[in-house]
Amino acid sequence: LYRLITPFGELNAGLAGRFAFTAGEAEHPVAGDWVAAAAR
């Protein structure tokens, strides 16, 4: 589970299913990473 700082403030986040499936373990986000996300 993740918490992001975004242009909309802080948002709780999870991984998209396709991203979680195709990304290797070392390619999953960690604290400090920058990501592209669909915000709600």
PDB file of all heavy atoms in Angstrom:
ATOM      1  N   LEU A   1       0.846  -1.187   0.000  1.00  0.00           N
ATOM      2  CA  LEU A   1       0.000   0.000   0.000  1.00  0.00           C
ATOM      3  C   LEU A   1       0.883   1.239   0.000  1.00  0.00           C
ATOM      4  O   LEU A   1       1.975   1.247   0.578  1.00  0.00           O
ATOM      5  CB  LEU A   1      -0.924  -0.002   1.219  1.00  0.00           C
ATOM      6  CG  LEU A   1      -1.883  -1.190   1.320  1.00  0.00           C
ATOM      7  CD1 LEU A   1      -2.670  -1.108   2.623  1.00  0.00           C
ATOM      8  CD2 LEU A   1      -2.835  -1.222   0.130  1.00  0.00           C
ATOM      9  N   TYR A   2       0.398   2.288  -0.641  1.00  0.00           N
ATOM     10  CA  TYR A   2       1.204   3.487  -0.818  1.00  0.00           C
ATOM     11  C   TYR A   2       0.397   4.730  -0.466  1.00  0.00           C
ATOM     12  O   TYR A   2      -0.834   4.729  -0.521  1.00  0.00           O
ATOM     13  CB  TYR A   2       1.678   3.608  -2.276  1.00  0.00           C
ATOM     14  CG  TYR A   2       2.433   2.399  -2.771  1.00  0.00           C
ATOM     15  CD1 TYR A   2       1.765   1.340  -3.382  1.00  0.00           C
ATOM     16  CD2 TYR A   2       3.810   2.309  -2.622  1.00  0.00           C
ATOM     17  CE1 TYR A   2       2.456   0.227  -3.827  1.00  0.00           C
ATOM     18  CE2 TYR A   2       4.510   1.198  -3.074  1.00  0.00           C
ATOM     19  CZ  TYR A   2       3.827   0.157  -3.674  1.00  0.00           C
ATOM     20  OH  TYR A   2       4.508  -0.942  -4.117  1.00  0.00           O
ATOM     21  N   ARG A   3       1.150   5.773  -0.101  1.00  0.00           N
ATOM     22  CA  ARG A   3       0.544   7.098   0.032  1.00  0.00           C
ATOM     23  C   ARG A   3       1.373   8.040  -0.821  1.00  0.00           C
ATOM     24  O   ARG A   3       2.607   8.071  -0.718  1.00  0.00           O
ATOM     25  CB  ARG A   3       0.502   7.550   1.491  1.00  0.00           C
ATOM     26  CG  ARG A   3      -0.353   8.796   1.685  1.00  0.00           C
ATOM     27  CD  ARG A   3      -0.831   8.926   3.128  1.00  0.00           C
ATOM     28  NE  ARG A   3      -1.720  10.066   3.313  1.00  0.00           N
ATOM     29  CZ  ARG A   3      -3.011  10.081   3.039  1.00  0.00           C
ATOM     30  NH1 ARG A   3      -3.577   9.012   2.536  1.00  0.00           N
ATOM     31  NH2 ARG A   3      -3.750  11.156   3.269  1.00  0.00           N
ATOM     32  N   LEU A   4       0.669   8.801  -1.683  1.00  0.00           N
ATOM     33  CA  LEU A   4       1.334   9.662  -2.650  1.00  0.00           C
ATOM     34  C   LEU A   4       1.078  11.129  -2.349  1.00  0.00           C
ATOM     35  O   LEU A   4       0.005  11.507  -1.878  1.00  0.00           O
ATOM     36  CB  LEU A   4       0.821   9.378  -4.068  1.00  0.00           C
ATOM     37  CG  LEU A   4       0.828   7.949  -4.589  1.00  0.00           C
ATOM     38  CD1 LEU A   4       0.273   7.922  -6.015  1.00  0.00           C
ATOM     39  CD2 LEU A   4       2.235   7.364  -4.552  1.00  0.00           C
ATOM     40  N   ILE A   5       2.089  11.943  -2.677  1.00  0.00           N
ATOM     41  CA  ILE A   5       1.889  13.391  -2.797  1.00  0.00           C
ATOM     42  C   ILE A   5       1.630  13.665  -4.268  1.00  0.00           C
ATOM     43  O   ILE A   5       2.432  13.284  -5.137  1.00  0.00           O
ATOM     44  CB  ILE A   5       3.134  14.156  -2.312  1.00  0.00           C
ATOM     45  CG1 ILE A   5       3.189  14.189  -0.791  1.00  0.00           C
ATOM     46  CG2 ILE A   5       3.130  15.574  -2.847  1.00  0.00           C
ATOM     47  CD1 ILE A   5       2.112  15.036  -0.134  1.00  0.00           C
ATOM     48  N   THR A   6       0.502  14.315  -4.586  1.00  0.00           N
ATOM     49  CA  THR A   6       0.100  14.587  -5.962  1.00  0.00           C
ATOM     50  C   THR A   6      -0.348  16.045  -6.077  1.00  0.00           C
ATOM     51  O   THR A   6      -0.440  16.761  -5.071  1.00  0.00           O
ATOM     52  CB  THR A   6      -1.074  13.674  -6.370  1.00  0.00           C
ATOM     53  OG1 THR A   6      -2.275  14.156  -5.737  1.00  0.00           O
ATOM     54  CG2 THR A   6      -0.821  12.225  -5.976  1.00  0.00           C
ATOM     55  N   PRO A   7      -0.663  16.499  -7.293  1.00  0.00           N
ATOM     56  CA  PRO A   7      -1.211  17.853  -7.425  1.00  0.00           C
ATOM     57  C   PRO A   7      -2.523  18.036  -6.676  1.00  0.00           C
ATOM     58  O   PRO A   7      -2.951  19.172  -6.421  1.00  0.00           O
ATOM     59  CB  PRO A   7      -1.420  18.001  -8.936  1.00  0.00           C
ATOM     60  CG  PRO A   7      -0.438  17.060  -9.545  1.00  0.00           C
ATOM     61  CD  PRO A   7      -0.376  15.891  -8.608  1.00  0.00           C
ATOM     62  N   PHE A   8      -3.176  16.925  -6.293  1.00  0.00           N
ATOM     63  CA  PHE A   8      -4.431  16.990  -5.549  1.00  0.00           C
ATOM     64  C   PHE A   8      -4.220  16.803  -4.049  1.00  0.00           C
ATOM     65  O   PHE A   8      -5.180  16.635  -3.294  1.00  0.00           O
ATOM     66  CB  PHE A   8      -5.402  15.917  -6.052  1.00  0.00           C
ATOM     67  CG  PHE A   8      -5.739  16.039  -7.507  1.00  0.00           C
ATOM     68  CD1 PHE A   8      -5.151  15.203  -8.440  1.00  0.00           C
ATOM     69  CD2 PHE A   8      -6.640  17.004  -7.951  1.00  0.00           C
ATOM     70  CE1 PHE A   8      -5.458  15.313  -9.785  1.00  0.00           C
ATOM     71  CE2 PHE A   8      -6.950  17.115  -9.295  1.00  0.00           C
ATOM     72  CZ  PHE A   8      -6.352  16.273 -10.225  1.00  0.00           C
ATOM     73  N   GLY A   9      -2.962  16.810  -3.613  1.00  0.00           N
ATOM     74  CA  GLY A   9      -2.662  16.556  -2.211  1.00  0.00           C
ATOM     75  C   GLY A   9      -2.294  15.093  -1.993  1.00  0.00           C
ATOM     76  O   GLY A   9      -1.864  14.400  -2.923  1.00  0.00           O
ATOM     77  N   GLU A  10      -2.486  14.610  -0.772  1.00  0.00           N
ATOM     78  CA  GLU A  10      -2.132  13.239  -0.444  1.00  0.00           C
ATOM     79  C   GLU A  10      -3.260  12.289  -0.842  1.00  0.00           C
ATOM     80  O   GLU A  10      -4.435  12.541  -0.556  1.00  0.00           O
ATOM     81  CB  GLU A  10      -1.847  13.097   1.055  1.00  0.00           C
ATOM     82  CG  GLU A  10      -0.620  13.863   1.517  1.00  0.00           C
ATOM     83  CD  GLU A  10      -0.237  13.547   2.953  1.00  0.00           C
ATOM     84  OE1 GLU A  10      -0.716  12.512   3.475  1.00  0.00           O
ATOM     85  OE2 GLU A  10       0.517  14.325   3.556  1.00  0.00           O
ATOM     86  N   LEU A  11      -2.872  11.181  -1.505  1.00  0.00           N
ATOM     87  CA  LEU A  11      -3.837  10.174  -1.926  1.00  0.00           C
ATOM     88  C   LEU A  11      -3.315   8.790  -1.564  1.00  0.00           C
ATOM     89  O   LEU A  11      -2.114   8.519  -1.704  1.00  0.00           O
ATOM     90  CB  LEU A  11      -4.079  10.239  -3.441  1.00  0.00           C
ATOM     91  CG  LEU A  11      -4.623  11.547  -4.028  1.00  0.00           C
ATOM     92  CD1 LEU A  11      -4.712  11.442  -5.548  1.00  0.00           C
ATOM     93  CD2 LEU A  11      -5.988  11.881  -3.440  1.00  0.00           C
ATOM     94  N   ASN A  12      -4.201   7.920  -1.103  1.00  0.00           N
ATOM     95  CA  ASN A  12      -3.849   6.520  -0.916  1.00  0.00           C
ATOM     96  C   ASN A  12      -3.828   5.828  -2.278  1.00  0.00           C
ATOM     97  O   ASN A  12      -4.654   6.147  -3.155  1.00  0.00           O
ATOM     98  CB  ASN A  12      -4.850   5.824   0.004  1.00  0.00           C
ATOM     99  CG  ASN A  12      -4.794   6.373   1.421  1.00  0.00           C
ATOM    100  OD1 ASN A  12      -3.719   6.664   1.939  1.00  0.00           O
ATOM    101  ND2 ASN A  12      -5.956   6.534   2.041  1.00  0.00           N
ATOM    102  N   ALA A  13      -2.918   4.891  -2.460  1.00  0.00           N
ATOM    103  CA  ALA A  13      -2.763   4.301  -3.791  1.00  0.00           C
ATOM    104  C   ALA A  13      -2.435   2.819  -3.722  1.00  0.00           C
ATOM    105  O   ALA A  13      -1.892   2.320  -2.733  1.00  0.00           O
ATOM    106  CB  ALA A  13      -1.674   5.039  -4.580  1.00  0.00           C
ATOM    107  N   GLY A  14      -2.789   2.141  -4.803  1.00  0.00           N
ATOM    108  CA  GLY A  14      -2.388   0.759  -5.025  1.00  0.00           C
ATOM    109  C   GLY A  14      -1.858   0.635  -6.435  1.00  0.00           C
ATOM    110  O   GLY A  14      -1.918   1.586  -7.227  1.00  0.00           O
ATOM    111  N   LEU A  15      -1.345  -0.537  -6.775  1.00  0.00           N
ATOM    112  CA  LEU A  15      -0.795  -0.755  -8.105  1.00  0.00           C
ATOM    113  C   LEU A  15      -1.882  -1.197  -9.070  1.00  0.00           C
ATOM    114  O   LEU A  15      -2.763  -1.988  -8.714  1.00  0.00           O
ATOM    115  CB  LEU A  15       0.298  -1.823  -8.061  1.00  0.00           C
ATOM    116  CG  LEU A  15       1.513  -1.555  -7.182  1.00  0.00           C
ATOM    117  CD1 LEU A  15       2.500  -2.713  -7.275  1.00  0.00           C
ATOM    118  CD2 LEU A  15       2.193  -0.248  -7.545  1.00  0.00           C
ATOM    119  N   ALA A  16      -1.795  -0.706 -10.300  1.00  0.00           N
ATOM    120  CA  ALA A  16      -2.673  -1.213 -11.349  1.00  0.00           C
ATOM    121  C   ALA A  16      -2.348  -2.689 -11.571  1.00  0.00           C
ATOM    122  O   ALA A  16      -1.187  -3.112 -11.469  1.00  0.00           O
ATOM    123  CB  ALA A  16      -2.459  -0.419 -12.635  1.00  0.00           C
ATOM    124  N   GLY A  17      -3.357  -3.482 -11.875  1.00  0.00           N
ATOM    125  CA  GLY A  17      -3.144  -4.922 -12.026  1.00  0.00           C
ATOM    126  C   GLY A  17      -2.096  -5.262 -13.055  1.00  0.00           C
ATOM    127  O   GLY A  17      -1.231  -6.120 -12.830  1.00  0.00           O
ATOM    128  N   ARG A  18      -2.129  -4.621 -14.207  1.00  0.00           N
ATOM    129  CA  ARG A  18      -1.154  -4.911 -15.261  1.00  0.00           C
ATOM    130  C   ARG A  18       0.254  -4.560 -14.806  1.00  0.00           C
ATOM    131  O   ARG A  18       1.198  -5.305 -15.054  1.00  0.00           O
ATOM    132  CB  ARG A  18      -1.528  -4.140 -16.522  1.00  0.00           C
ATOM    133  CG  ARG A  18      -0.600  -4.421 -17.693  1.00  0.00           C
ATOM    134  CD  ARG A  18      -1.065  -3.713 -18.955  1.00  0.00           C
ATOM    135  NE  ARG A  18      -0.183  -3.999 -20.085  1.00  0.00           N
ATOM    136  CZ  ARG A  18      -0.353  -3.509 -21.308  1.00  0.00           C
ATOM    137  NH1 ARG A  18      -1.398  -2.716 -21.550  1.00  0.00           N
ATOM    138  NH2 ARG A  18       0.488  -3.797 -22.269  1.00  0.00           N
ATOM    139  N   PHE A  19       0.388  -3.399 -14.137  1.00  0.00           N
ATOM    140  CA  PHE A  19       1.705  -2.990 -13.655  1.00  0.00           C
ATOM    141  C   PHE A  19       2.234  -3.993 -12.629  1.00  0.00           C
ATOM    142  O   PHE A  19       3.388  -4.414 -12.675  1.00  0.00           O
ATOM    143  CB  PHE A  19       1.608  -1.589 -13.059  1.00  0.00           C
ATOM    144  CG  PHE A  19       2.905  -1.044 -12.513  1.00  0.00           C
ATOM    145  CD1 PHE A  19       4.116  -1.368 -13.091  1.00  0.00           C
ATOM    146  CD2 PHE A  19       2.903  -0.179 -11.421  1.00  0.00           C
ATOM    147  CE1 PHE A  19       5.308  -0.858 -12.593  1.00  0.00           C
ATOM    148  CE2 PHE A  19       4.082   0.333 -10.924  1.00  0.00           C
ATOM    149  CZ  PHE A  19       5.288  -0.013 -11.508  1.00  0.00           C
ATOM    150  N   ALA A  20       1.381  -4.389 -11.678  1.00  0.00           N
ATOM    151  CA  ALA A  20       1.808  -5.337 -10.645  1.00  0.00           C
ATOM    152  C   ALA A  20       2.241  -6.664 -11.252  1.00  0.00           C
ATOM    153  O   ALA A  20       3.155  -7.326 -10.753  1.00  0.00           O
ATOM    154  CB  ALA A  20       0.673  -5.555  -9.649  1.00  0.00           C
ATOM    155  N   PHE A  21       1.601  -7.073 -12.360  1.00  0.00           N
ATOM    156  CA  PHE A  21       1.893  -8.360 -12.972  1.00  0.00           C
ATOM    157  C   PHE A  21       3.160  -8.321 -13.809  1.00  0.00           C
ATOM    158  O   PHE A  21       3.955  -9.266 -13.809  1.00  0.00           O
ATOM    159  CB  PHE A  21       0.702  -8.800 -13.834  1.00  0.00           C
ATOM    160  CG  PHE A  21       0.915 -10.117 -14.523  1.00  0.00           C
ATOM    161  CD1 PHE A  21       0.815 -11.307 -13.818  1.00  0.00           C
ATOM    162  CD2 PHE A  21       1.215 -10.169 -15.883  1.00  0.00           C
ATOM    163  CE1 PHE A  21       1.027 -12.526 -14.451  1.00  0.00           C
ATOM    164  CE2 PHE A  21       1.415 -11.372 -16.523  1.00  0.00           C
ATOM    165  CZ  PHE A  21       1.316 -12.563 -15.802  1.00  0.00           C
ATOM    166  N   THR A  22       3.368  -7.233 -14.553  1.00  0.00           N
ATOM    167  CA  THR A  22       4.483  -7.186 -15.504  1.00  0.00           C
ATOM    168  C   THR A  22       5.780  -6.659 -14.898  1.00  0.00           C
ATOM    169  O   THR A  22       6.859  -7.000 -15.369  1.00  0.00           O
ATOM    170  CB  THR A  22       4.114  -6.302 -16.714  1.00  0.00           C
ATOM    171  OG1 THR A  22       3.796  -4.981 -16.256  1.00  0.00           O
ATOM    172  CG2 THR A  22       2.920  -6.898 -17.454  1.00  0.00           C
ATOM    173  N   ALA A  23       5.695  -5.841 -13.852  1.00  0.00           N
ATOM    174  CA  ALA A  23       6.905  -5.259 -13.267  1.00  0.00           C
ATOM    175  C   ALA A  23       7.607  -6.278 -12.374  1.00  0.00           C
ATOM    176  O   ALA A  23       6.961  -7.027 -11.645  1.00  0.00           O
ATOM    177  CB  ALA A  23       6.558  -4.017 -12.458  1.00  0.00           C
ATOM    178  N   GLY A  24       8.923  -6.313 -12.458  1.00  0.00           N
ATOM    179  CA  GLY A  24       9.691  -7.146 -11.550  1.00  0.00           C
ATOM    180  C   GLY A  24       9.635  -6.585 -10.139  1.00  0.00           C
ATOM    181  O   GLY A  24       9.249  -5.421  -9.931  1.00  0.00           O
ATOM    182  N   GLU A  25      10.042  -7.405  -9.164  1.00  0.00           N
ATOM    183  CA  GLU A  25       9.975  -6.962  -7.770  1.00  0.00           C
ATOM    184  C   GLU A  25      10.756  -5.671  -7.560  1.00  0.00           C
ATOM    185  O   GLU A  25      10.319  -4.779  -6.830  1.00  0.00           O
ATOM    186  CB  GLU A  25      10.510  -8.062  -6.855  1.00  0.00           C
ATOM    187  CG  GLU A  25      10.410  -7.751  -5.371  1.00  0.00           C
ATOM    188  CD  GLU A  25       8.981  -7.640  -4.877  1.00  0.00           C
ATOM    189  OE1 GLU A  25       8.099  -8.290  -5.475  1.00  0.00           O
ATOM    190  OE2 GLU A  25       8.744  -6.901  -3.908  1.00  0.00           O
ATOM    191  N   ALA A  26      11.931  -5.554  -8.195  1.00  0.00           N
ATOM    192  CA  ALA A  26      12.757  -4.361  -8.023  1.00  0.00           C
ATOM    193  C   ALA A  26      12.202  -3.160  -8.770  1.00  0.00           C
ATOM    194  O   ALA A  26      12.711  -2.055  -8.625  1.00  0.00           O
ATOM    195  CB  ALA A  26      14.190  -4.643  -8.486  1.00  0.00           C
ATOM    196  N   GLU A  27      11.146  -3.374  -9.586  1.00  0.00           N
ATOM    197  CA  GLU A  27      10.536  -2.276 -10.330  1.00  0.00           C
ATOM    198  C   GLU A  27       9.241  -1.795  -9.689  1.00  0.00           C
ATOM    199  O   GLU A  27       8.590  -0.896 -10.203  1.00  0.00           O
ATOM    200  CB  GLU A  27      10.263  -2.724 -11.775  1.00  0.00           C
ATOM    201  CG  GLU A  27      11.545  -3.074 -12.535  1.00  0.00           C
ATOM    202  CD  GLU A  27      11.242  -3.768 -13.846  1.00  0.00           C
ATOM    203  OE1 GLU A  27      10.222  -4.483 -13.918  1.00  0.00           O
ATOM    204  OE2 GLU A  27      12.013  -3.595 -14.792  1.00  0.00           O
ATOM    205  N   HIS A  28       8.859  -2.402  -8.563  1.00  0.00           N
ATOM    206  CA  HIS A  28       7.706  -1.897  -7.820  1.00  0.00           C
ATOM    207  C   HIS A  28       8.108  -0.627  -7.079  1.00  0.00           C
ATOM    208  O   HIS A  28       9.249  -0.497  -6.627  1.00  0.00           O
ATOM    209  CB  HIS A  28       7.208  -2.950  -6.832  1.00  0.00           C
ATOM    210  CG  HIS A  28       6.433  -4.051  -7.494  1.00  0.00           C
ATOM    211  ND1 HIS A  28       5.717  -4.976  -6.781  1.00  0.00           N
ATOM    212  CD2 HIS A  28       6.263  -4.373  -8.804  1.00  0.00           C
ATOM    213  CE1 HIS A  28       5.125  -5.821  -7.618  1.00  0.00           C
ATOM    214  NE2 HIS A  28       5.453  -5.474  -8.846  1.00  0.00           N
ATOM    215  N   PRO A  29       7.201   0.317  -6.914  1.00  0.00           N
ATOM    216  CA  PRO A  29       7.555   1.575  -6.242  1.00  0.00           C
ATOM    217  C   PRO A  29       7.963   1.358  -4.786  1.00  0.00           C
ATOM    218  O   PRO A  29       7.476   0.451  -4.104  1.00  0.00           O
ATOM    219  CB  PRO A  29       6.267   2.398  -6.332  1.00  0.00           C
ATOM    220  CG  PRO A  29       5.477   1.778  -7.435  1.00  0.00           C
ATOM    221  CD  PRO A  29       5.808   0.326  -7.409  1.00  0.00           C
ATOM    222  N   VAL A  30       8.873   2.216  -4.338  1.00  0.00           N
ATOM    223  CA  VAL A  30       9.273   2.260  -2.932  1.00  0.00           C
ATOM    224  C   VAL A  30       9.201   3.716  -2.489  1.00  0.00           C
ATOM    225  O   VAL A  30       9.010   4.623  -3.304  1.00  0.00           O
ATOM    226  CB  VAL A  30      10.691   1.702  -2.717  1.00  0.00           C
ATOM    227  CG1 VAL A  30      10.784   0.241  -3.137  1.00  0.00           C
ATOM    228  CG2 VAL A  30      11.734   2.541  -3.453  1.00  0.00           C
ATOM    229  N   ALA A  31       9.352   3.937  -1.198  1.00  0.00           N
ATOM    230  CA  ALA A  31       9.343   5.304  -0.691  1.00  0.00           C
ATOM    231  C   ALA A  31      10.436   6.121  -1.374  1.00  0.00           C
ATOM    232  O   ALA A  31      11.581   5.688  -1.477  1.00  0.00           O
ATOM    233  CB  ALA A  31       9.547   5.306   0.815  1.00  0.00           C
ATOM    234  N   GLY A  32      10.063   7.303  -1.841  1.00  0.00           N
ATOM    235  CA  GLY A  32      10.987   8.162  -2.574  1.00  0.00           C
ATOM    236  C   GLY A  32      10.788   8.124  -4.069  1.00  0.00           C
ATOM    237  O   GLY A  32      11.241   9.017  -4.788  1.00  0.00           O
ATOM    238  N   ASP A  33      10.111   7.085  -4.576  1.00  0.00           N
ATOM    239  CA  ASP A  33       9.893   6.969  -6.019  1.00  0.00           C
ATOM    240  C   ASP A  33       8.897   8.004  -6.514  1.00  0.00           C
ATOM    241  O   ASP A  33       7.983   8.439  -5.793  1.00  0.00           O
ATOM    242  CB  ASP A  33       9.364   5.570  -6.362  1.00  0.00           C
ATOM    243  CG  ASP A  33      10.470   4.613  -6.777  1.00  0.00           C
ATOM    244  OD1 ASP A  33      11.427   5.062  -7.433  1.00  0.00           O
ATOM    245  OD2 ASP A  33      10.379   3.416  -6.451  1.00  0.00           O
ATOM    246  N   TRP A  34       9.055   8.356  -7.798  1.00  0.00           N
ATOM    247  CA  TRP A  34       8.079   9.161  -8.520  1.00  0.00           C
ATOM    248  C   TRP A  34       7.312   8.244  -9.465  1.00  0.00           C
ATOM    249  O   TRP A  34       7.908   7.381 -10.111  1.00  0.00           O
ATOM    250  CB  TRP A  34       8.755  10.277  -9.312  1.00  0.00           C
ATOM    251  CG  TRP A  34       9.308  11.376  -8.456  1.00  0.00           C
ATOM    252  CD1 TRP A  34      10.571  11.497  -7.980  1.00  0.00           C
ATOM    253  CD2 TRP A  34       8.590  12.523  -7.983  1.00  0.00           C
ATOM    254  NE1 TRP A  34      10.704  12.639  -7.235  1.00  0.00           N
ATOM    255  CE2 TRP A  34       9.505  13.294  -7.220  1.00  0.00           C
ATOM    256  CE3 TRP A  34       7.277  12.969  -8.125  1.00  0.00           C
ATOM    257  CZ2 TRP A  34       9.135  14.487  -6.608  1.00  0.00           C
ATOM    258  CZ3 TRP A  34       6.911  14.163  -7.517  1.00  0.00           C
ATOM    259  CH2 TRP A  34       7.834  14.906  -6.764  1.00  0.00           C
ATOM    260  N   VAL A  35       5.996   8.428  -9.533  1.00  0.00           N
ATOM    261  CA  VAL A  35       5.151   7.545 -10.325  1.00  0.00           C
ATOM    262  C   VAL A  35       4.160   8.357 -11.151  1.00  0.00           C
ATOM    263  O   VAL A  35       3.951   9.553 -10.916  1.00  0.00           O
ATOM    264  CB  VAL A  35       4.371   6.563  -9.416  1.00  0.00           C
ATOM    265  CG1 VAL A  35       5.321   5.681  -8.628  1.00  0.00           C
ATOM    266  CG2 VAL A  35       3.422   7.326  -8.475  1.00  0.00           C
ATOM    267  N   ALA A  36       3.574   7.674 -12.139  1.00  0.00           N
ATOM    268  CA  ALA A  36       2.458   8.225 -12.903  1.00  0.00           C
ATOM    269  C   ALA A  36       1.207   7.475 -12.474  1.00  0.00           C
ATOM    270  O   ALA A  36       1.173   6.237 -12.529  1.00  0.00           O
ATOM    271  CB  ALA A  36       2.698   8.064 -14.399  1.00  0.00           C
ATOM    272  N   ALA A  37       0.191   8.193 -12.037  1.00  0.00           N
ATOM    273  CA  ALA A  37      -0.974   7.550 -11.443  1.00  0.00           C
ATOM    274  C   ALA A  37      -2.271   8.155 -11.960  1.00  0.00           C
ATOM    275  O   ALA A  37      -2.324   9.329 -12.358  1.00  0.00           O
ATOM    276  CB  ALA A  37      -0.921   7.680  -9.917  1.00  0.00           C
ATOM    277  N   ALA A  38      -3.305   7.339 -11.950  1.00  0.00           N
ATOM    278  CA  ALA A  38      -4.658   7.825 -12.225  1.00  0.00           C
ATOM    279  C   ALA A  38      -5.267   8.253 -10.897  1.00  0.00           C
ATOM    280  O   ALA A  38      -5.435   7.436  -9.992  1.00  0.00           O
ATOM    281  CB  ALA A  38      -5.494   6.709 -12.862  1.00  0.00           C
ATOM    282  N   ALA A  39      -5.562   9.536 -10.774  1.00  0.00           N
ATOM    283  CA  ALA A  39      -6.028  10.088  -9.497  1.00  0.00           C
ATOM    284  C   ALA A  39      -7.551  10.117  -9.440  1.00  0.00           C
ATOM    285  O   ALA A  39      -8.229  10.419 -10.432  1.00  0.00           O
ATOM    286  CB  ALA A  39      -5.469  11.489  -9.303  1.00  0.00           C
ATOM    287  N   ARG A  40      -8.065   9.802  -8.259  1.00  0.00           N
ATOM    288  CA  ARG A  40      -9.501   9.930  -7.972  1.00  0.00           C
ATOM    289  C   ARG A  40      -9.629  10.771  -6.694  1.00  0.00           C
ATOM    290  O   ARG A  40      -9.879  10.247  -5.598  1.00  0.00           O
ATOM    291  CB  ARG A  40     -10.135   8.549  -7.793  1.00  0.00           C
ATOM    292  CG  ARG A  40      -9.961   7.642  -9.001  1.00  0.00           C
ATOM    293  CD  ARG A  40     -10.741   6.335  -8.877  1.00  0.00           C
ATOM    294  NE  ARG A  40     -10.313   5.549  -7.731  1.00  0.00           N
ATOM    295  CZ  ARG A  40      -9.213   4.785  -7.700  1.00  0.00           C
ATOM    296  NH1 ARG A  40      -8.416   4.722  -8.768  1.00  0.00           N
ATOM    297  NH2 ARG A  40      -8.911   4.091  -6.615  1.00  0.00           N
TER     298      ARG A  40
END
